[in-house]
C-alpha atoms as a PDB file:
ATOM      1  CA  MET A   1       0.000   0.000   0.000  1.00  0.00           C
ATOM      2  CA  GLU A   2       1.542   3.281  -1.098  1.00  0.00           C
ATOM      3  CA  VAL A   3       0.849   6.298   1.109  1.00  0.00           C
ATOM      4  CA  GLU A   4       1.271   9.811  -0.233  1.00  0.00           C
ATOM      5  CA  ARG A   5       3.101  12.381   1.857  1.00  0.00           C
ATOM      6  CA  GLY A   6       0.753  13.914   4.417  1.00  0.00           C
ATOM      7  CA  GLN A   7      -1.619  10.948   4.423  1.00  0.00           C
ATOM      8  CA  TYR A   8      -1.835   8.330   7.142  1.00  0.00           C
ATOM      9  CA  THR A   9      -2.827   4.694   7.081  1.00  0.00           C
ATOM     10  CA  TYR A  10      -4.481   4.953  10.515  1.00  0.00           C
ATOM     11  CA  GLU A  11      -6.397   7.919  11.895  1.00  0.00           C
ATOM     12  CA  LYS A  12      -8.609   8.016  14.976  1.00  0.00           C
ATOM     13  CA  THR A  13     -10.335  11.002  16.578  1.00  0.00           C
ATOM     14  CA  GLU A  14     -11.679  10.907  20.109  1.00  0.00           C
ATOM     15  CA  GLU A  15     -12.633  13.322  22.847  1.00  0.00           C
ATOM     16  CA  ARG A  16     -10.858  13.247  26.196  1.00  0.00           C
ATOM     17  CA  MET A  17     -11.019  15.251  29.379  1.00  0.00           C
ATOM     18  CA  ILE A  18      -7.681  17.064  29.808  1.00  0.00           C
ATOM     19  CA  ASN A  19      -7.145  19.475  32.720  1.00  0.00           C
ATOM     20  CA  GLY A  20     -10.889  19.694  33.283  1.00  0.00           C
ATOM     21  CA  ARG A  21     -11.647  20.596  29.659  1.00  0.00           C
ATOM     22  CA  MET A  22     -13.031  18.366  26.938  1.00  0.00           C
ATOM     23  CA  SER A  23     -10.466  18.186  24.127  1.00  0.00           C
ATOM     24  CA  ARG A  24     -10.562  16.509  20.740  1.00  0.00           C
ATOM     25  CA  ILE A  25      -7.528  14.286  20.167  1.00  0.00           C
ATOM     26  CA  THR A  26      -6.511  12.948  16.750  1.00  0.00           C
ATOM     27  CA  VAL A  27      -4.139   9.993  16.636  1.00  0.00           C
ATOM     28  CA  ARG A  28      -2.411   9.470  13.287  1.00  0.00           C
ATOM     29  CA  ALA A  29       0.080   6.768  12.355  1.00  0.00           C
ATOM     30  CA  ASN A  30       1.656   5.133   9.366  1.00  0.00           C
ATOM     31  CA  THR A  31       1.807   1.390   9.719  1.00  0.00           C
ATOM     32  CA  PRO A  32       4.276  -0.533   7.589  1.00  0.00           C
ATOM     33  CA  SER A  33       2.989  -2.420   4.555  1.00  0.00           C
ATOM     34  CA  GLN A  34       3.279  -6.200   4.229  1.00  0.00           C
ATOM     35  CA  THR A  35       6.057  -5.690   1.676  1.00  0.00           C
ATOM     36  CA  ALA A  36       8.024  -3.524   4.106  1.00  0.00           C
ATOM     37  CA  LEU A  37       7.617  -6.116   6.873  1.00  0.00           C
ATOM     38  CA  LYS A  38       8.857  -8.860   4.532  1.00  0.00           C
ATOM     39  CA  ARG A  39      11.932  -6.794   3.536  1.00  0.00           C
ATOM     40  CA  TYR A  40      12.656  -6.119   7.221  1.00  0.00           C
ATOM     41  CA  ALA A  41      12.427  -9.825   8.104  1.00  0.00           C
ATOM     42  CA  GLU A  42      14.716 -10.782   5.205  1.00  0.00           C
ATOM     43  CA  THR A  43      17.264  -8.134   6.197  1.00  0.00           C
ATOM     44  CA  MET A  44      17.260  -9.167   9.863  1.00  0.00           C
ATOM     45  CA  THR A  45      17.664 -12.839   8.905  1.00  0.00           C
ATOM     46  CA  ARG A  46      20.650 -11.961   6.715  1.00  0.00           C
ATOM     47  CA  VAL A  47      22.227  -9.853   9.487  1.00  0.00           C
ATOM     48  CA  VAL A  48      21.795 -12.609  12.096  1.00  0.00           C
ATOM     49  CA  LYS A  49      23.336 -15.222   9.775  1.00  0.00           C
ATOM     50  CA  GLU A  50      26.283 -12.913   9.082  1.00  0.00           C
ATOM     51  CA  ILE A  51      26.876 -12.312  12.793  1.00  0.00           C
ATOM     52  CA  GLU A  52      26.599 -16.032  13.600  1.00  0.00           C
ATOM     53  CA  SER A  53      29.099 -16.921  10.868  1.00  0.00           C
ATOM     54  CA  ARG A  54      31.691 -14.595  12.443  1.00  0.00           C
ATOM     55  CA  GLY A  55      31.583 -16.313  15.813  1.00  0.00           C
END
């Protein structure tokens, strides 16, 4: 999933009581895509194998 700059993959708005006043809070986050997670796992596996081969 490609995300354009300024857009978020997760956005949630809720109201909370902060210092006695009701405030609207917006939580925004970009979660990694499945492709990014796969690349990360492959990279970490390669790094671990390289470190183990040194020892």
